[in-house]
Amino acid sequence: MQSEVFVTLTPGDELRLDLQGSQPMEHEQARRWLDDEFIRMECEPLRASGKVLLADKVLTVAQAAGARHFADAQWATQFARATVAALSRPMVRVDVPAMAVSF
């Protein structure tokens, strides 16, 4: 199954991360990778309750990473692999300006 992640960091500028040929990441490994990046990048929870949903984690990591991290092909591929595995979806759109994750 083909997997891909689309990331919008600025309006009208979408980055396509195609995972064709990439090994799938296991669900728990993906959750750990996102957790580690969330902490490393000093992300803040989006909800006042402090609860962080997986989709929120994907969104805040993408926001904190910005263009600099997405320019690194290895990091971008890891982000995409973790995103599709953690959310259990073959296609994910991460829209940072709209603060939305869709499938």
N, C-alpha and C. Protein backbone atom coordinates (compact mmCIF):
# COMPACT_ATOMS: atom_id res chain seq x y z
N MET A 1 0.83 -1.17 0.00
CA MET A 1 0.00 0.00 0.00
C MET A 1 0.88 1.25 0.00
N GLN A 2 0.56 2.20 -0.85
CA GLN A 2 1.33 3.42 -0.92
C GLN A 2 0.91 4.37 0.19
N SER A 3 1.87 4.98 0.82
CA SER A 3 1.59 5.94 1.88
C SER A 3 2.25 7.27 1.54
N GLU A 4 1.57 8.35 1.93
CA GLU A 4 2.15 9.67 1.73
C GLU A 4 1.58 10.64 2.74
N VAL A 5 2.39 11.66 3.01
CA VAL A 5 2.01 12.71 3.93
C VAL A 5 2.19 14.03 3.21
N PHE A 6 1.20 14.89 3.33
CA PHE A 6 1.26 16.24 2.77
C PHE A 6 1.36 17.20 3.94
N VAL A 7 2.34 18.10 3.89
CA VAL A 7 2.54 19.05 4.97
C VAL A 7 2.49 20.47 4.39
N THR A 8 1.63 21.29 4.97
CA THR A 8 1.57 22.71 4.60
C THR A 8 2.13 23.50 5.77
N LEU A 9 3.25 24.19 5.52
CA LEU A 9 3.86 25.01 6.55
C LEU A 9 3.47 26.47 6.40
N THR A 10 3.25 26.89 5.15
CA THR A 10 2.77 28.24 4.85
C THR A 10 1.65 28.10 3.83
N PRO A 11 0.65 28.99 3.88
CA PRO A 11 -0.48 28.88 2.96
C PRO A 11 -0.04 28.79 1.50
N GLY A 12 -0.60 27.82 0.79
CA GLY A 12 -0.31 27.65 -0.63
C GLY A 12 0.99 26.92 -0.95
N ASP A 13 1.70 26.46 0.06
CA ASP A 13 2.98 25.78 -0.15
C ASP A 13 2.92 24.41 0.53
N GLU A 14 2.60 23.38 -0.27
CA GLU A 14 2.43 22.04 0.28
C GLU A 14 3.62 21.16 -0.08
N LEU A 15 4.12 20.45 0.91
CA LEU A 15 5.22 19.51 0.75
C LEU A 15 4.63 18.10 0.70
N ARG A 16 5.01 17.33 -0.30
CA ARG A 16 4.53 15.95 -0.43
C ARG A 16 5.66 15.00 -0.04
N LEU A 17 5.39 14.14 0.94
CA LEU A 17 6.36 13.15 1.39
C LEU A 17 5.84 11.78 0.99
N ASP A 18 6.40 11.22 -0.08
CA ASP A 18 5.98 9.93 -0.61
C ASP A 18 6.82 8.85 0.05
N LEU A 19 6.16 7.86 0.63
CA LEU A 19 6.87 6.80 1.36
C LEU A 19 7.06 5.54 0.53
N GLN A 20 6.89 5.64 -0.77
CA GLN A 20 7.10 4.47 -1.63
C GLN A 20 8.55 4.00 -1.47
N GLY A 21 8.71 2.73 -1.18
CA GLY A 21 10.04 2.16 -1.00
C GLY A 21 10.58 2.26 0.42
N SER A 22 9.86 2.95 1.30
CA SER A 22 10.30 3.07 2.70
C SER A 22 9.70 1.94 3.52
N GLN A 23 10.47 1.44 4.45
CA GLN A 23 9.98 0.41 5.35
C GLN A 23 8.93 1.02 6.28
N PRO A 24 7.83 0.32 6.52
CA PRO A 24 6.84 0.84 7.45
C PRO A 24 7.39 0.85 8.88
N MET A 25 6.96 1.82 9.65
CA MET A 25 7.34 1.92 11.06
C MET A 25 6.24 1.24 11.87
N GLU A 26 6.60 0.53 12.91
CA GLU A 26 5.60 -0.09 13.78
C GLU A 26 4.91 1.00 14.60
N HIS A 27 3.66 0.72 14.97
CA HIS A 27 2.84 1.72 15.67
C HIS A 27 3.52 2.24 16.93
N GLU A 28 4.01 1.35 17.77
CA GLU A 28 4.63 1.78 19.03
C GLU A 28 5.93 2.55 18.78
N GLN A 29 6.70 2.12 17.80
CA GLN A 29 7.92 2.84 17.42
C GLN A 29 7.57 4.24 16.95
N ALA A 30 6.49 4.38 16.19
CA ALA A 30 6.06 5.68 15.67
C ALA A 30 5.64 6.60 16.82
N ARG A 31 4.90 6.05 17.76
CA ARG A 31 4.48 6.85 18.93
C ARG A 31 5.70 7.34 19.71
N ARG A 32 6.67 6.45 19.89
CA ARG A 32 7.90 6.83 20.62
C ARG A 32 8.67 7.92 19.87
N TRP A 33 8.77 7.78 18.55
CA TRP A 33 9.50 8.78 17.76
C TRP A 33 8.82 10.14 17.90
N LEU A 34 7.49 10.17 17.78
CA LEU A 34 6.77 11.44 17.93
C LEU A 34 6.92 12.00 19.34
N ASP A 35 6.85 11.13 20.35
CA ASP A 35 7.06 11.58 21.74
C ASP A 35 8.43 12.22 21.90
N ASP A 36 9.45 11.54 21.39
CA ASP A 36 10.83 12.05 21.51
C ASP A 36 10.99 13.40 20.82
N GLU A 37 10.42 13.54 19.62
CA GLU A 37 10.53 14.81 18.89
C GLU A 37 9.73 15.91 19.59
N PHE A 38 8.58 15.56 20.13
CA PHE A 38 7.74 16.52 20.86
C PHE A 38 8.53 17.10 22.04
N ILE A 39 9.23 16.24 22.75
CA ILE A 39 10.03 16.68 23.90
C ILE A 39 11.28 17.42 23.44
N ARG A 40 11.98 16.87 22.46
CA ARG A 40 13.22 17.49 21.97
C ARG A 40 12.99 18.90 21.45
N MET A 41 11.85 19.09 20.77
CA MET A 41 11.54 20.40 20.18
C MET A 41 10.78 21.32 21.14
N GLU A 42 10.62 20.83 22.39
CA GLU A 42 9.97 21.61 23.44
C GLU A 42 8.58 22.10 23.01
N CYS A 43 7.80 21.19 22.44
CA CYS A 43 6.43 21.50 22.01
C CYS A 43 5.54 21.64 23.24
N GLU A 44 4.49 22.42 23.07
CA GLU A 44 3.51 22.63 24.13
C GLU A 44 2.19 21.97 23.74
N PRO A 45 1.46 21.41 24.70
CA PRO A 45 0.14 20.84 24.40
C PRO A 45 -0.79 21.91 23.84
N LEU A 46 -1.64 21.50 22.89
CA LEU A 46 -2.59 22.43 22.29
C LEU A 46 -3.81 22.65 23.17
N ARG A 47 -4.12 21.69 24.01
CA ARG A 47 -5.33 21.75 24.83
C ARG A 47 -5.02 22.23 26.24
N ALA A 48 -5.92 23.02 26.78
CA ALA A 48 -5.74 23.56 28.13
C ALA A 48 -5.66 22.45 29.18
N SER A 49 -6.28 21.31 28.89
CA SER A 49 -6.25 20.18 29.84
C SER A 49 -4.87 19.55 29.92
N GLY A 50 -4.02 19.83 28.94
CA GLY A 50 -2.69 19.22 28.91
C GLY A 50 -2.66 17.88 28.19
N LYS A 51 -3.83 17.37 27.83
CA LYS A 51 -3.92 16.09 27.12
C LYS A 51 -3.40 16.29 25.69
N VAL A 52 -2.56 15.37 25.23
CA VAL A 52 -1.99 15.48 23.89
C VAL A 52 -2.41 14.27 23.07
N LEU A 53 -3.27 14.50 22.10
CA LEU A 53 -3.69 13.44 21.18
C LEU A 53 -2.59 13.21 20.15
N LEU A 54 -2.58 12.05 19.54
CA LEU A 54 -1.55 11.77 18.53
C LEU A 54 -1.59 12.78 17.39
N ALA A 55 -2.78 13.13 16.93
CA ALA A 55 -2.90 14.12 15.85
C ALA A 55 -2.33 15.47 16.30
N ASP A 56 -2.56 15.84 17.56
CA ASP A 56 -2.00 17.08 18.09
C ASP A 56 -0.47 17.03 18.10
N LYS A 57 0.05 15.87 18.45
CA LYS A 57 1.50 15.69 18.51
C LYS A 57 2.11 15.84 17.11
N VAL A 58 1.47 15.22 16.11
CA VAL A 58 1.93 15.34 14.72
C VAL A 58 1.93 16.81 14.31
N LEU A 59 0.86 17.51 14.61
CA LEU A 59 0.72 18.91 14.23
C LEU A 59 1.75 19.80 14.90
N THR A 60 1.94 19.64 16.21
CA THR A 60 2.88 20.50 16.91
C THR A 60 4.33 20.19 16.57
N VAL A 61 4.63 18.93 16.30
CA VAL A 61 5.99 18.59 15.86
C VAL A 61 6.26 19.21 14.48
N ALA A 62 5.29 19.14 13.57
CA ALA A 62 5.45 19.75 12.24
C ALA A 62 5.64 21.25 12.38
N GLN A 63 4.87 21.87 13.25
CA GLN A 63 4.97 23.31 13.46
C GLN A 63 6.35 23.69 14.01
N ALA A 64 6.80 22.96 15.01
CA ALA A 64 8.11 23.24 15.62
C ALA A 64 9.26 22.94 14.66
N ALA A 65 9.09 21.92 13.82
CA ALA A 65 10.15 21.54 12.89
C ALA A 65 10.38 22.61 11.83
N GLY A 66 9.30 23.16 11.32
CA GLY A 66 9.42 24.20 10.30
C GLY A 66 10.16 23.74 9.06
N ALA A 67 10.41 24.66 8.18
CA ALA A 67 11.05 24.36 6.89
C ALA A 67 12.45 23.78 7.07
N ARG A 68 13.14 24.19 8.12
CA ARG A 68 14.52 23.73 8.34
C ARG A 68 14.58 22.21 8.49
N HIS A 69 13.74 21.63 9.31
CA HIS A 69 13.76 20.18 9.50
C HIS A 69 13.19 19.45 8.28
N PHE A 70 12.15 20.01 7.65
CA PHE A 70 11.58 19.34 6.49
C PHE A 70 12.52 19.39 5.28
N ALA A 71 13.50 20.28 5.29
CA ALA A 71 14.51 20.32 4.24
C ALA A 71 15.49 19.15 4.36
N ASP A 72 15.55 18.55 5.54
CA ASP A 72 16.39 17.38 5.79
C ASP A 72 15.58 16.14 5.38
N ALA A 73 15.93 15.56 4.25
CA ALA A 73 15.16 14.45 3.68
C ALA A 73 15.03 13.28 4.65
N GLN A 74 16.08 12.98 5.40
CA GLN A 74 16.04 11.86 6.34
C GLN A 74 15.05 12.15 7.47
N TRP A 75 15.08 13.36 8.04
CA TRP A 75 14.15 13.71 9.10
C TRP A 75 12.71 13.72 8.57
N ALA A 76 12.51 14.30 7.39
CA ALA A 76 11.17 14.39 6.79
C ALA A 76 10.58 13.00 6.55
N THR A 77 11.42 12.07 6.10
CA THR A 77 10.95 10.70 5.87
C THR A 77 10.56 10.04 7.19
N GLN A 78 11.37 10.24 8.23
CA GLN A 78 11.04 9.68 9.54
C GLN A 78 9.73 10.27 10.07
N PHE A 79 9.54 11.57 9.88
CA PHE A 79 8.30 12.21 10.29
C PHE A 79 7.11 11.58 9.57
N ALA A 80 7.24 11.41 8.27
CA ALA A 80 6.14 10.82 7.47
C ALA A 80 5.87 9.38 7.90
N ARG A 81 6.93 8.60 8.08
CA ARG A 81 6.76 7.21 8.51
C ARG A 81 6.06 7.13 9.87
N ALA A 82 6.49 7.99 10.80
CA ALA A 82 5.88 8.00 12.12
C ALA A 82 4.43 8.46 12.06
N THR A 83 4.15 9.44 11.22
CA THR A 83 2.80 9.99 11.11
C THR A 83 1.81 8.95 10.61
N VAL A 84 2.13 8.28 9.49
CA VAL A 84 1.17 7.30 8.95
C VAL A 84 1.02 6.10 9.87
N ALA A 85 2.10 5.70 10.55
CA ALA A 85 2.03 4.55 11.44
C ALA A 85 1.27 4.88 12.73
N ALA A 86 1.56 6.03 13.33
CA ALA A 86 0.90 6.40 14.58
C ALA A 86 -0.59 6.65 14.38
N LEU A 87 -0.95 7.24 13.25
CA LEU A 87 -2.36 7.55 13.00
C LEU A 87 -3.08 6.43 12.25
N SER A 88 -2.33 5.41 11.86
CA SER A 88 -2.90 4.24 11.15
C SER A 88 -3.68 4.65 9.91
N ARG A 89 -3.10 5.55 9.14
CA ARG A 89 -3.71 6.03 7.90
C ARG A 89 -2.65 6.07 6.80
N PRO A 90 -3.00 5.64 5.58
CA PRO A 90 -2.01 5.65 4.50
C PRO A 90 -1.76 7.04 3.92
N MET A 91 -2.71 7.97 4.11
CA MET A 91 -2.56 9.32 3.59
C MET A 91 -2.98 10.31 4.66
N VAL A 92 -2.09 11.24 4.97
CA VAL A 92 -2.36 12.22 6.02
C VAL A 92 -1.99 13.60 5.50
N ARG A 93 -2.84 14.59 5.78
CA ARG A 93 -2.55 16.00 5.48
C ARG A 93 -2.37 16.74 6.80
N VAL A 94 -1.23 17.43 6.90
CA VAL A 94 -0.91 18.21 8.09
C VAL A 94 -0.86 19.67 7.64
N ASP A 95 -1.83 20.45 8.06
CA ASP A 95 -1.93 21.86 7.67
C ASP A 95 -1.63 22.71 8.88
N VAL A 96 -0.40 23.19 8.98
CA VAL A 96 0.04 23.95 10.14
C VAL A 96 -0.69 25.29 10.26
N PRO A 97 -0.80 26.10 9.18
CA PRO A 97 -1.51 27.37 9.33
C PRO A 97 -2.96 27.22 9.80
N ALA A 98 -3.64 26.15 9.35
CA ALA A 98 -5.03 25.90 9.76
C ALA A 98 -5.10 25.12 11.07
N MET A 99 -3.94 24.65 11.57
CA MET A 99 -3.88 23.83 12.78
C MET A 99 -4.81 22.62 12.64
N ALA A 100 -4.65 21.89 11.52
CA ALA A 100 -5.53 20.76 11.24
C ALA A 100 -4.76 19.57 10.69
N VAL A 101 -5.23 18.39 11.06
CA VAL A 101 -4.74 17.13 10.51
C VAL A 101 -5.95 16.43 9.92
N SER A 102 -5.84 16.03 8.65
CA SER A 102 -6.98 15.33 8.00
C SER A 102 -6.47 14.11 7.28
N PHE A 103 -7.43 13.24 6.93
CA PHE A 103 -7.09 11.95 6.32
C PHE A 103 -7.76 11.83 4.97
